[in-house]
Amino acid sequence: MDAYHYREEIIEFFKGKDYYDNYSKGHIWICRHEGFDTLTVEPLVGGQYEIAVRIPQQTPDGIMWVGYWCNPNGYFHGVNTGGH
C-alpha cells in the first residue's frame, strides 16, 4: 500500500471533505472519533489502513483542519500544524 497513491484524497481530507466515493482505488472513508477523524483506506488488494488523522482547529474564519498523514516508510508529516 502506497499512501502517495491516495495523495488527492489526503489533500481533500485536510480541506474538510467528509465523503469519498472512489472505488477504482478501493474503499475510502472517514472514521469519526471524539475530537478527531481518520482517513481510512482499504485498497483493492491488501488490508485496511488509517493513513491520516485530522483535528478541528477553531479560527476566527471557522474550522481549519490540522493533523498528520503517514508516508509509505511510516513517517508522519504535519499538515497545517505550524511545523509541529
N, C-alpha and C. Protein backbone atom coordinates (compact mmCIF):
# COMPACT_ATOMS: atom_id res chain seq x y z
N MET A 1 0.85 -1.18 0.00
CA MET A 1 0.00 0.00 0.00
C MET A 1 0.89 1.23 0.00
N ASP A 2 0.62 2.15 -0.87
CA ASP A 2 1.41 3.36 -1.00
C ASP A 2 0.51 4.57 -0.74
N ALA A 3 0.78 5.28 0.37
CA ALA A 3 -0.05 6.43 0.72
C ALA A 3 -0.02 7.51 -0.36
N TYR A 4 1.09 7.57 -1.13
CA TYR A 4 1.16 8.55 -2.21
C TYR A 4 0.09 8.29 -3.26
N HIS A 5 -0.35 7.06 -3.37
CA HIS A 5 -1.43 6.68 -4.28
C HIS A 5 -2.72 7.43 -3.92
N TYR A 6 -2.85 7.81 -2.66
CA TYR A 6 -4.04 8.50 -2.15
C TYR A 6 -3.77 9.98 -1.89
N ARG A 7 -2.82 10.55 -2.59
CA ARG A 7 -2.43 11.95 -2.37
C ARG A 7 -3.61 12.91 -2.49
N GLU A 8 -4.39 12.78 -3.55
CA GLU A 8 -5.54 13.67 -3.75
C GLU A 8 -6.56 13.53 -2.62
N GLU A 9 -6.80 12.32 -2.20
CA GLU A 9 -7.76 12.08 -1.12
C GLU A 9 -7.26 12.68 0.19
N ILE A 10 -5.95 12.59 0.45
CA ILE A 10 -5.37 13.18 1.66
C ILE A 10 -5.51 14.70 1.62
N ILE A 11 -5.21 15.31 0.48
CA ILE A 11 -5.35 16.76 0.35
C ILE A 11 -6.79 17.18 0.61
N GLU A 12 -7.74 16.49 0.00
CA GLU A 12 -9.16 16.82 0.20
C GLU A 12 -9.60 16.60 1.64
N PHE A 13 -9.07 15.58 2.28
CA PHE A 13 -9.37 15.28 3.69
C PHE A 13 -9.01 16.48 4.57
N PHE A 14 -7.83 17.08 4.34
CA PHE A 14 -7.41 18.22 5.14
C PHE A 14 -8.08 19.53 4.72
N LYS A 15 -8.82 19.51 3.62
CA LYS A 15 -9.65 20.67 3.25
C LYS A 15 -11.03 20.54 3.88
N GLY A 16 -11.32 19.39 4.52
CA GLY A 16 -12.59 19.21 5.20
C GLY A 16 -13.56 18.27 4.52
N LYS A 17 -13.13 17.59 3.46
CA LYS A 17 -14.04 16.68 2.76
C LYS A 17 -14.56 15.61 3.71
N ASP A 18 -15.84 15.30 3.61
CA ASP A 18 -16.49 14.37 4.53
C ASP A 18 -16.89 13.04 3.92
N TYR A 19 -16.85 12.91 2.59
CA TYR A 19 -17.36 11.69 1.97
C TYR A 19 -16.53 11.35 0.73
N TYR A 20 -16.22 10.08 0.57
CA TYR A 20 -15.45 9.61 -0.59
C TYR A 20 -16.23 8.55 -1.33
N ASP A 21 -16.08 8.54 -2.64
CA ASP A 21 -16.74 7.54 -3.48
C ASP A 21 -15.80 7.21 -4.63
N ASN A 22 -14.68 6.54 -4.31
CA ASN A 22 -13.66 6.26 -5.31
C ASN A 22 -13.32 4.78 -5.26
N TYR A 23 -14.12 3.98 -5.91
CA TYR A 23 -13.93 2.54 -5.85
C TYR A 23 -12.82 2.06 -6.77
N SER A 24 -12.32 2.91 -7.67
CA SER A 24 -11.20 2.48 -8.51
C SER A 24 -9.93 2.30 -7.68
N LYS A 25 -9.89 2.92 -6.49
CA LYS A 25 -8.75 2.78 -5.58
C LYS A 25 -9.10 1.93 -4.36
N GLY A 26 -10.27 1.34 -4.35
CA GLY A 26 -10.73 0.59 -3.19
C GLY A 26 -11.72 1.41 -2.40
N HIS A 27 -12.00 0.99 -1.19
CA HIS A 27 -12.93 1.72 -0.32
C HIS A 27 -12.16 2.78 0.46
N ILE A 28 -12.70 3.99 0.48
CA ILE A 28 -12.09 5.12 1.18
C ILE A 28 -13.18 5.75 2.03
N TRP A 29 -12.92 5.92 3.33
CA TRP A 29 -13.93 6.54 4.18
C TRP A 29 -13.27 7.25 5.35
N ILE A 30 -14.10 8.01 6.06
CA ILE A 30 -13.65 8.76 7.23
C ILE A 30 -14.26 8.12 8.47
N CYS A 31 -13.40 7.79 9.43
CA CYS A 31 -13.86 7.29 10.72
C CYS A 31 -13.87 8.47 11.69
N ARG A 32 -15.01 8.70 12.29
CA ARG A 32 -15.13 9.82 13.22
C ARG A 32 -14.95 9.33 14.66
N HIS A 33 -14.11 10.04 15.38
CA HIS A 33 -13.84 9.73 16.78
C HIS A 33 -14.10 11.00 17.58
N GLU A 34 -14.10 10.90 18.87
CA GLU A 34 -14.31 12.08 19.69
C GLU A 34 -13.08 12.98 19.60
N GLY A 35 -13.21 14.11 18.94
CA GLY A 35 -12.13 15.08 18.83
C GLY A 35 -11.25 14.98 17.61
N PHE A 36 -11.39 13.93 16.79
CA PHE A 36 -10.57 13.80 15.59
C PHE A 36 -11.21 12.83 14.61
N ASP A 37 -10.76 12.89 13.36
CA ASP A 37 -11.21 11.99 12.30
C ASP A 37 -9.99 11.29 11.71
N THR A 38 -10.19 10.09 11.18
CA THR A 38 -9.12 9.40 10.47
C THR A 38 -9.57 9.08 9.05
N LEU A 39 -8.64 9.19 8.11
CA LEU A 39 -8.89 8.81 6.73
C LEU A 39 -8.46 7.36 6.59
N THR A 40 -9.41 6.50 6.28
CA THR A 40 -9.17 5.07 6.22
C THR A 40 -9.33 4.58 4.80
N VAL A 41 -8.41 3.72 4.37
CA VAL A 41 -8.47 3.16 3.03
C VAL A 41 -8.38 1.64 3.12
N GLU A 42 -9.08 1.00 2.22
CA GLU A 42 -8.99 -0.44 2.02
C GLU A 42 -8.72 -0.65 0.54
N PRO A 43 -7.43 -0.80 0.17
CA PRO A 43 -7.09 -0.93 -1.24
C PRO A 43 -7.76 -2.14 -1.88
N LEU A 44 -7.77 -2.16 -3.21
CA LEU A 44 -8.35 -3.29 -3.92
C LEU A 44 -7.66 -4.60 -3.53
N VAL A 45 -6.35 -4.53 -3.27
CA VAL A 45 -5.60 -5.69 -2.80
C VAL A 45 -4.86 -5.27 -1.53
N GLY A 46 -5.02 -6.02 -0.47
CA GLY A 46 -4.31 -5.69 0.76
C GLY A 46 -5.27 -5.53 1.91
N GLY A 47 -4.77 -4.91 2.96
CA GLY A 47 -5.54 -4.76 4.18
C GLY A 47 -6.27 -3.44 4.29
N GLN A 48 -6.41 -2.98 5.52
CA GLN A 48 -7.09 -1.72 5.82
C GLN A 48 -6.11 -0.84 6.56
N TYR A 49 -6.05 0.44 6.17
CA TYR A 49 -5.05 1.34 6.73
C TYR A 49 -5.68 2.69 7.08
N GLU A 50 -5.25 3.26 8.18
CA GLU A 50 -5.58 4.64 8.51
C GLU A 50 -4.36 5.45 8.13
N ILE A 51 -4.50 6.30 7.11
CA ILE A 51 -3.34 6.98 6.54
C ILE A 51 -3.23 8.45 6.94
N ALA A 52 -4.26 8.99 7.61
CA ALA A 52 -4.19 10.38 8.03
C ALA A 52 -5.14 10.60 9.20
N VAL A 53 -4.79 11.57 10.03
CA VAL A 53 -5.64 11.96 11.15
C VAL A 53 -5.77 13.48 11.12
N ARG A 54 -6.99 13.97 11.34
CA ARG A 54 -7.20 15.41 11.37
C ARG A 54 -7.94 15.80 12.64
N ILE A 55 -7.61 17.01 13.11
CA ILE A 55 -8.18 17.55 14.34
C ILE A 55 -8.75 18.93 14.00
N PRO A 56 -10.00 19.20 14.37
CA PRO A 56 -10.54 20.53 14.05
C PRO A 56 -9.90 21.61 14.92
N GLN A 57 -9.50 22.70 14.30
CA GLN A 57 -8.92 23.84 15.00
C GLN A 57 -9.81 25.05 14.73
N GLN A 58 -10.39 25.62 15.75
CA GLN A 58 -11.26 26.79 15.57
C GLN A 58 -10.41 28.02 15.33
N THR A 59 -10.71 28.75 14.26
CA THR A 59 -10.03 30.00 13.95
C THR A 59 -11.09 31.09 13.80
N PRO A 60 -10.68 32.35 13.75
CA PRO A 60 -11.66 33.41 13.53
C PRO A 60 -12.46 33.24 12.23
N ASP A 61 -11.86 32.54 11.25
CA ASP A 61 -12.52 32.33 9.96
C ASP A 61 -13.32 31.03 9.91
N GLY A 62 -13.36 30.28 10.99
CA GLY A 62 -14.07 29.00 11.01
C GLY A 62 -13.12 27.86 11.39
N ILE A 63 -13.45 26.67 10.94
CA ILE A 63 -12.65 25.48 11.28
C ILE A 63 -11.51 25.31 10.28
N MET A 64 -10.31 25.07 10.80
CA MET A 64 -9.17 24.69 9.98
C MET A 64 -8.77 23.30 10.46
N TRP A 65 -8.49 22.41 9.54
CA TRP A 65 -8.11 21.04 9.91
C TRP A 65 -6.60 20.93 10.02
N VAL A 66 -6.12 20.45 11.16
CA VAL A 66 -4.70 20.20 11.38
C VAL A 66 -4.52 18.72 11.65
N GLY A 67 -3.32 18.22 11.42
CA GLY A 67 -3.07 16.81 11.72
C GLY A 67 -1.88 16.27 10.97
N TYR A 68 -1.93 14.97 10.68
CA TYR A 68 -0.78 14.26 10.14
C TYR A 68 -1.21 13.22 9.13
N TRP A 69 -0.33 12.94 8.17
CA TRP A 69 -0.52 11.80 7.27
C TRP A 69 0.76 10.97 7.32
N CYS A 70 0.64 9.71 7.02
CA CYS A 70 1.75 8.78 7.13
C CYS A 70 2.24 8.36 5.75
N ASN A 71 3.55 8.54 5.51
CA ASN A 71 4.09 8.14 4.20
C ASN A 71 4.36 6.64 4.19
N PRO A 72 4.70 6.07 3.03
CA PRO A 72 4.88 4.62 2.92
C PRO A 72 5.99 4.05 3.82
N ASN A 73 6.93 4.90 4.26
CA ASN A 73 8.00 4.44 5.14
C ASN A 73 7.64 4.54 6.61
N GLY A 74 6.43 4.97 6.90
CA GLY A 74 5.98 5.06 8.29
C GLY A 74 6.26 6.38 8.97
N TYR A 75 6.71 7.39 8.23
CA TYR A 75 6.97 8.70 8.82
C TYR A 75 5.74 9.58 8.73
N PHE A 76 5.46 10.31 9.81
CA PHE A 76 4.33 11.23 9.83
C PHE A 76 4.75 12.60 9.31
N HIS A 77 3.85 13.23 8.57
CA HIS A 77 4.06 14.58 8.06
C HIS A 77 2.92 15.46 8.56
N GLY A 78 3.27 16.63 9.08
CA GLY A 78 2.25 17.55 9.58
C GLY A 78 1.57 18.31 8.46
N VAL A 79 0.31 18.62 8.67
CA VAL A 79 -0.49 19.41 7.74
C VAL A 79 -1.15 20.51 8.56
N ASN A 80 -0.89 21.76 8.21
CA ASN A 80 -1.47 22.92 8.92
C ASN A 80 -1.11 22.91 10.41
N THR A 81 0.08 22.40 10.76
CA THR A 81 0.45 22.28 12.17
C THR A 81 1.46 23.35 12.60
N GLY A 82 1.84 24.23 11.71
CA GLY A 82 2.82 25.24 12.06
C GLY A 82 4.20 24.67 12.33
N GLY A 83 4.51 23.54 11.71
CA GLY A 83 5.83 22.94 11.87
C GLY A 83 5.94 21.94 13.00
N HIS A 84 4.85 21.59 13.65
CA HIS A 84 4.92 20.65 14.78
C HIS A 84 4.46 19.27 14.36
